[in-house]
Amino acid sequence: MRDGAQQATRRRAVSSKMRHSFCIEQLPTASGGILAPLGMRRHCDKETEMLITIAVVFILMATLLLVIFNMYSDYKARRISDMRMVNTHIRNAISETEELLTNPEELPFSKALLVILRFRILNFLKRMQTDPNNHSLDEKIKEQIAVIKEIQARKHDDLAFKAPQNDTQAVAQLRAIRKLRNIVHAEMRTGSQVNHSLCQKEDHRLQVLALKVNIANLMQRIVEMRRLHQIGSCRTMIQKGLEVIGSAKVNDVWLSNQSDVLKHMQQDIENEVKSNTKKAMATASAGKANDSKELDEIFGEKKKW
C-alpha cells in the first residue's frame, strides 16, 4: 500500500512539472504568437555562430590556397624562363665553340686546344640533359667523347704558322685568338678535364701566335711603305717591330728570323738614306759651283779683245 502511494505521488509530481514547463515554454507574446523556447533559441545561436566560423575558415583557407597557387605559378614561370635563358646561353656557347673549331682563319690548332674545346662542348651538352625537350643529347655526348678520344690518339701537332695575307685576315685571326684565350681562361677557372699546366702552356702559345700575326702584318706594311718610298714611316715601323720582338723575350724560330729580316731592312734603309744624303750633298755642291761660276762670269773681269 505504501509503495503504491509513493509511485502515485511521483507520477503526479512529474505530471505537474511537465505542465509547468509546457506553460512556461508556451507563453503567449504581445502580438498573439507563442514565444519560442529559450533553450531552442540558444541552440540556434550556437549553430549560426558555428556556421559563420566555418565559412570564415573556408574563405581564409581558399584565399591562402589561392596565394600559394599564384606563388607556385610565378615560381614555375620564373624557373622555366631561367632554364630557357640558361639553355640559350649554352647553345650560343656551343655554336661559338663549333665555329672556332671550323678554323676559317687557318690558325694552327694543337691537340691540347682541340681537346679543351671539345671538352667545353661536352660539358655544355651534359648541362642541357635537364631539358626534357632535347632527345638527341645522348648521341651528341657519345659523339663528342669519340672525337676527344680520336684527338688524344694523335701523335703529332701541325703548328706551322701561316701569315695573314691582308689586314682583314689579320684582324680576323686576332679576334679568333682572343676568343680562344678567353675560353682557355674560363676552362681553367671552372676546372677543365685537361691538365692545368697544359692549359697554361696553350695560353702562352696563343699569346705568341697573336704576336706572330701582328709582326707578319707589320712586315707587310713595311714592305708597302718602302715601295711607296715612305722612308720615315718605314724606319719607325721597323724600330717598333724590333722593340716588340725584343720585349716579348720569346724563344721562337719564326720570330728570330723576322727580327733578322727587320734588322737587314733597317740597315738597307740606313744605307739608302746615307747614299741619298751623299747624292743630295753632291748635287748641292755642284749646284753651288755652277752658281759661283755663273756669278764669276757675270761680275768677273772683262777680257780684252
Protein backbone atom coordinates (compact mmCIF):
# COMPACT_ATOMS: atom_id res chain seq x y z
CA MET A 1 0.00 0.00 0.00
CA ARG A 2 2.76 2.40 0.97
CA ASP A 3 4.72 1.63 -2.26
CA GLY A 4 1.66 2.23 -4.37
CA ALA A 5 1.07 5.59 -2.73
CA GLN A 6 4.67 6.64 -3.31
CA GLN A 7 4.51 5.76 -7.02
CA ALA A 8 1.27 7.70 -7.41
CA THR A 9 2.83 10.72 -5.71
CA ARG A 10 5.86 10.55 -8.09
CA ARG A 11 3.59 10.35 -11.15
CA ARG A 12 1.65 13.41 -10.02
CA ALA A 13 4.92 15.38 -9.43
CA VAL A 14 6.28 14.56 -12.89
CA SER A 15 2.96 15.43 -14.49
CA SER A 16 2.90 18.75 -12.63
CA LYS A 17 6.47 19.58 -13.75
CA MET A 18 5.63 18.79 -17.37
CA ARG A 19 2.54 21.00 -17.22
CA HIS A 20 4.56 23.80 -15.60
CA SER A 21 7.29 23.53 -18.21
CA PHE A 22 4.81 23.50 -21.03
CA CYS A 23 3.13 26.55 -19.66
CA ILE A 24 6.45 28.41 -19.37
CA GLU A 25 7.68 27.45 -22.84
CA GLN A 26 4.37 28.22 -24.47
CA LEU A 27 3.94 31.75 -23.05
CA PRO A 28 1.93 33.93 -25.40
CA THR A 29 3.52 37.05 -26.87
CA ALA A 30 2.01 40.53 -27.06
CA SER A 31 1.24 40.06 -30.73
CA GLY A 32 -0.68 36.91 -30.07
CA GLY A 33 2.09 34.49 -31.12
CA ILE A 34 3.81 31.95 -29.00
CA LEU A 35 7.24 32.72 -27.53
CA ALA A 36 9.98 30.31 -28.77
CA PRO A 37 11.62 28.16 -26.18
CA LEU A 38 14.69 29.75 -24.57
CA GLY A 39 16.86 26.64 -24.93
CA MET A 40 15.96 26.33 -28.59
CA ARG A 41 16.96 29.94 -29.25
CA ARG A 42 20.32 29.44 -27.58
CA HIS A 43 20.86 26.29 -29.60
CA CYS A 44 20.08 28.16 -32.87
CA ASP A 45 22.51 30.97 -31.98
CA LYS A 46 25.30 28.46 -31.38
CA GLU A 47 24.64 26.77 -34.73
CA THR A 48 24.70 30.15 -36.53
CA GLU A 49 27.99 31.12 -34.90
CA MET A 50 29.44 27.74 -35.83
CA LEU A 51 28.36 28.11 -39.45
CA ILE A 52 29.80 31.63 -39.66
CA THR A 53 33.09 30.41 -38.17
CA ILE A 54 33.25 27.53 -40.64
CA ALA A 55 32.52 29.89 -43.56
CA VAL A 56 35.25 32.31 -42.45
CA VAL A 57 37.70 29.44 -42.08
CA PHE A 58 36.84 28.17 -45.57
CA ILE A 59 37.27 31.66 -47.03
CA LEU A 60 40.65 32.07 -45.32
CA MET A 61 41.77 28.63 -46.47
CA ALA A 62 40.64 29.35 -50.04
CA THR A 63 42.49 32.68 -50.00
CA LEU A 64 45.61 31.02 -48.64
CA LEU A 65 45.43 28.26 -51.26
CA LEU A 66 44.96 30.87 -53.98
CA VAL A 67 48.03 32.81 -52.78
CA ILE A 68 50.09 29.61 -52.61
CA PHE A 69 48.95 28.61 -56.10
CA ASN A 70 49.86 32.03 -57.51
CA MET A 71 53.27 31.90 -55.82
CA TYR A 72 53.92 28.42 -57.21
CA SER A 73 52.79 29.51 -60.68
CA ASP A 74 55.13 32.52 -60.57
CA TYR A 75 57.99 30.34 -59.32
CA LYS A 76 57.38 27.79 -62.07
CA ALA A 77 57.22 30.51 -64.73
CA ARG A 78 60.45 32.09 -63.47
CA ARG A 79 62.13 28.70 -63.38
CA ILE A 80 61.08 27.94 -66.95
CA SER A 81 62.28 31.39 -68.04
CA ASP A 82 65.62 30.88 -66.26
CA MET A 83 66.03 27.45 -67.84
CA ARG A 84 65.35 28.93 -71.27
CA MET A 85 67.91 31.67 -70.70
CA VAL A 86 70.50 29.14 -69.50
CA ASN A 87 69.82 26.83 -72.44
CA THR A 88 70.04 29.77 -74.85
CA HIS A 89 73.39 30.76 -73.33
CA ILE A 90 74.61 27.16 -73.59
CA ARG A 91 73.53 26.87 -77.24
CA ASN A 92 75.28 30.14 -78.09
CA ALA A 93 78.46 28.97 -76.36
CA ILE A 94 78.34 25.64 -78.22
CA SER A 95 77.77 27.41 -81.55
CA GLU A 96 80.68 29.79 -80.89
CA THR A 97 82.98 26.89 -79.97
CA GLU A 98 81.97 24.86 -83.01
CA GLU A 99 82.55 27.91 -85.22
CA LEU A 100 86.06 28.26 -83.80
CA LEU A 101 86.68 24.56 -84.46
CA THR A 102 85.95 25.08 -88.16
CA ASN A 103 89.02 27.37 -88.12
CA PRO A 104 88.17 29.67 -91.05
CA GLU A 105 91.17 31.87 -90.12
CA GLU A 106 93.58 28.94 -90.70
CA LEU A 107 95.20 29.15 -87.28
CA PRO A 108 97.44 26.32 -86.05
CA PHE A 109 95.44 24.26 -83.52
CA SER A 110 97.29 21.99 -81.09
CA LYS A 111 95.96 18.75 -79.62
CA ALA A 112 95.55 20.42 -76.23
CA LEU A 113 93.48 23.25 -77.69
CA LEU A 114 91.25 20.86 -79.63
CA VAL A 115 90.68 18.75 -76.52
CA ILE A 116 89.87 21.85 -74.45
CA LEU A 117 87.28 22.98 -76.99
CA ARG A 118 85.74 19.51 -77.29
CA PHE A 119 85.51 19.10 -73.52
CA ARG A 120 83.85 22.52 -73.35
CA ILE A 121 81.14 21.34 -75.76
CA LEU A 122 80.79 18.05 -73.86
CA ASN A 123 80.28 19.82 -70.53
CA PHE A 124 77.66 22.12 -72.00
CA LEU A 125 75.80 19.16 -73.50
CA LYS A 126 75.76 17.44 -70.11
CA ARG A 127 74.32 20.59 -68.53
CA MET A 128 71.49 20.52 -71.08
CA GLN A 129 70.42 16.99 -70.06
CA THR A 130 67.95 18.55 -67.60
CA ASP A 131 65.95 19.83 -70.57
CA PRO A 132 63.33 17.17 -71.42
CA ASN A 133 62.83 18.59 -74.92
CA ASN A 134 66.32 17.58 -76.05
CA HIS A 135 66.07 13.96 -77.12
CA SER A 136 69.31 13.67 -79.12
CA LEU A 137 71.71 14.74 -76.35
CA ASP A 138 72.90 11.21 -75.58
CA GLU A 139 74.02 10.69 -79.18
CA LYS A 140 75.79 14.06 -79.26
CA ILE A 141 77.57 13.30 -75.98
CA LYS A 142 78.76 9.94 -77.29
CA GLU A 143 79.94 11.63 -80.49
CA GLN A 144 81.96 14.23 -78.57
CA ILE A 145 83.56 11.54 -76.40
CA ALA A 146 84.58 9.59 -79.51
CA VAL A 147 86.08 12.73 -81.11
CA ILE A 148 88.05 13.51 -77.94
CA LYS A 149 89.50 10.00 -77.85
CA GLU A 150 90.44 10.29 -81.53
CA ILE A 151 92.24 13.62 -80.96
CA GLN A 152 94.10 12.29 -77.93
CA ALA A 153 95.30 9.32 -80.01
CA ARG A 154 97.12 11.59 -82.45
CA LYS A 155 100.91 11.59 -82.26
CA HIS A 156 101.97 14.93 -83.73
CA ASP A 157 100.71 18.51 -83.88
CA ASP A 158 100.78 20.62 -87.01
CA LEU A 159 101.67 24.03 -85.56
CA ALA A 160 103.09 25.66 -88.71
CA PHE A 161 102.26 29.35 -88.73
CA LYS A 162 100.58 30.77 -91.82
CA ALA A 163 100.93 34.56 -92.04
CA PRO A 164 97.81 36.59 -92.87
CA GLN A 165 97.54 37.82 -96.44
CA ASN A 166 95.99 41.21 -95.64
CA ASP A 167 94.76 43.42 -92.83
CA THR A 168 91.26 41.88 -92.86
CA GLN A 169 92.58 38.37 -92.33
CA ALA A 170 94.97 39.60 -89.65
CA VAL A 171 92.12 41.23 -87.72
CA ALA A 172 90.03 38.05 -88.02
CA GLN A 173 92.91 35.93 -86.72
CA LEU A 174 93.49 38.24 -83.76
CA ARG A 175 89.79 38.12 -82.85
CA ALA A 176 89.78 34.33 -83.03
CA ILE A 177 92.91 34.14 -80.87
CA ARG A 178 91.33 36.46 -78.29
CA LYS A 179 88.21 34.26 -78.14
CA LEU A 180 90.33 31.12 -77.79
CA ARG A 181 92.33 32.63 -74.94
CA ASN A 182 89.11 33.66 -73.16
CA ILE A 183 87.83 30.09 -73.48
CA VAL A 184 91.08 28.66 -72.13
CA HIS A 185 90.97 31.06 -69.16
CA ALA A 186 87.32 30.16 -68.48
CA GLU A 187 88.10 26.45 -68.58
CA MET A 188 90.99 26.93 -66.16
CA ARG A 189 88.69 28.79 -63.74
CA THR A 190 85.86 26.25 -63.92
CA GLY A 191 88.17 23.25 -63.80
CA SER A 192 88.65 21.64 -67.20
CA GLN A 193 89.35 17.92 -67.61
CA VAL A 194 92.57 18.96 -69.36
CA ASN A 195 95.66 19.32 -67.20
CA HIS A 196 96.03 22.85 -65.76
CA SER A 197 99.67 23.09 -66.86
CA LEU A 198 98.66 22.17 -70.43
CA CYS A 199 96.05 24.93 -70.37
CA GLN A 200 98.68 27.45 -69.25
CA LYS A 201 101.05 26.23 -71.95
CA GLU A 202 98.33 26.58 -74.58
CA ASP A 203 97.51 30.09 -73.39
CA HIS A 204 101.19 31.05 -73.79
CA ARG A 205 101.24 29.53 -77.28
CA LEU A 206 98.19 31.57 -78.28
CA GLN A 207 99.85 34.71 -76.90
CA VAL A 208 102.93 34.05 -79.06
CA LEU A 209 100.65 33.32 -82.02
CA ALA A 210 99.00 36.72 -81.64
CA LEU A 211 102.47 38.30 -81.60
CA LYS A 212 103.33 36.48 -84.83
CA VAL A 213 100.18 37.76 -86.52
CA ASN A 214 101.00 41.33 -85.51
CA ILE A 215 104.60 41.05 -86.71
CA ALA A 216 103.54 39.47 -90.01
CA ASN A 217 101.06 42.28 -90.62
CA LEU A 218 103.73 44.82 -89.66
CA MET A 219 106.15 43.32 -92.18
CA GLN A 220 103.57 43.67 -94.94
CA ARG A 221 103.05 47.34 -94.09
CA ILE A 222 106.80 47.98 -94.04
CA VAL A 223 107.18 46.43 -97.49
CA GLU A 224 104.32 48.57 -98.81
CA MET A 225 105.77 51.76 -97.28
CA ARG A 226 109.17 51.02 -98.73
CA ARG A 227 107.62 50.53 -102.15
CA LEU A 228 105.99 53.94 -101.82
CA HIS A 229 109.36 55.43 -100.68
CA GLN A 230 107.93 56.46 -97.30
CA ILE A 231 111.32 56.14 -95.64
CA GLY A 232 110.46 57.92 -92.38
CA SER A 233 107.36 55.81 -91.67
CA CYS A 234 109.23 52.69 -92.74
CA ARG A 235 112.07 53.31 -90.29
CA THR A 236 109.57 53.96 -87.47
CA MET A 237 107.69 50.71 -88.12
CA ILE A 238 110.90 48.68 -88.27
CA GLN A 239 112.07 50.10 -84.97
CA LYS A 240 108.68 49.36 -83.41
CA GLY A 241 108.76 45.76 -84.65
CA LEU A 242 112.24 45.18 -83.23
CA GLU A 243 111.19 46.61 -79.87
CA VAL A 244 108.09 44.40 -79.71
CA ILE A 245 110.04 41.24 -80.52
CA GLY A 246 112.79 42.16 -78.06
CA SER A 247 110.37 42.94 -75.19
CA ALA A 248 108.47 39.67 -75.72
CA LYS A 249 111.56 37.60 -74.87
CA VAL A 250 110.18 34.55 -76.65
CA ASN A 251 112.42 31.78 -77.94
CA ASP A 252 110.77 31.19 -81.31
CA VAL A 253 112.46 30.45 -84.62
CA TRP A 254 109.96 32.35 -86.75
CA LEU A 255 110.19 35.47 -84.62
CA SER A 256 114.00 35.28 -84.63
CA ASN A 257 114.00 35.10 -88.43
CA GLN A 258 111.67 38.07 -88.67
CA SER A 259 113.89 40.01 -86.30
CA ASP A 260 116.86 39.33 -88.57
CA VAL A 261 114.85 40.39 -91.62
CA LEU A 262 113.86 43.64 -89.88
CA LYS A 263 117.48 44.35 -88.95
CA HIS A 264 118.60 43.81 -92.55
CA MET A 265 115.81 46.07 -93.78
CA GLN A 266 116.82 48.69 -91.24
CA GLN A 267 120.43 48.50 -92.40
CA ASP A 268 119.40 48.74 -96.05
CA ILE A 269 117.26 51.77 -95.31
CA GLU A 270 120.09 53.42 -93.39
CA ASN A 271 122.46 52.77 -96.29
CA GLU A 272 119.89 54.10 -98.72
CA VAL A 273 119.39 57.21 -96.61
CA LYS A 274 123.16 57.79 -96.43
CA SER A 275 123.50 57.27 -100.17
CA ASN A 276 120.66 59.66 -100.87
CA THR A 277 122.20 62.18 -98.49
CA LYS A 278 125.58 61.98 -100.27
CA LYS A 279 123.90 62.35 -103.64
CA ALA A 280 121.94 65.33 -102.36
CA MET A 281 125.09 66.93 -100.95
CA ALA A 282 126.97 66.28 -104.18
CA THR A 283 124.13 67.73 -106.18
CA ALA A 284 124.02 70.75 -103.89
CA SER A 285 127.79 71.25 -104.16
CA ALA A 286 127.63 71.01 -107.93
CA GLY A 287 124.80 73.48 -107.96
CA LYS A 288 126.74 75.91 -105.81
CA ALA A 289 129.82 75.55 -108.07
CA ASN A 290 127.74 76.27 -111.14
CA ASP A 291 126.17 79.28 -109.46
CA SER A 292 129.60 80.57 -108.45
CA LYS A 293 130.91 80.10 -111.96
CA GLU A 294 127.95 81.94 -113.40
CA LEU A 295 128.46 84.78 -110.96
CA ASP A 296 132.16 84.97 -111.85
CA GLU A 297 131.27 85.13 -115.49
CA ILE A 298 128.85 87.93 -114.85
CA PHE A 299 130.75 90.02 -112.33
CA GLY A 300 134.35 88.94 -113.11
CA GLU A 301 136.92 90.93 -115.05
CA LYS A 302 136.17 91.55 -118.71
CA LYS A 303 138.53 90.05 -121.20
CA LYS A 304 140.12 92.50 -123.57
CA TRP A 305 139.99 91.61 -127.18
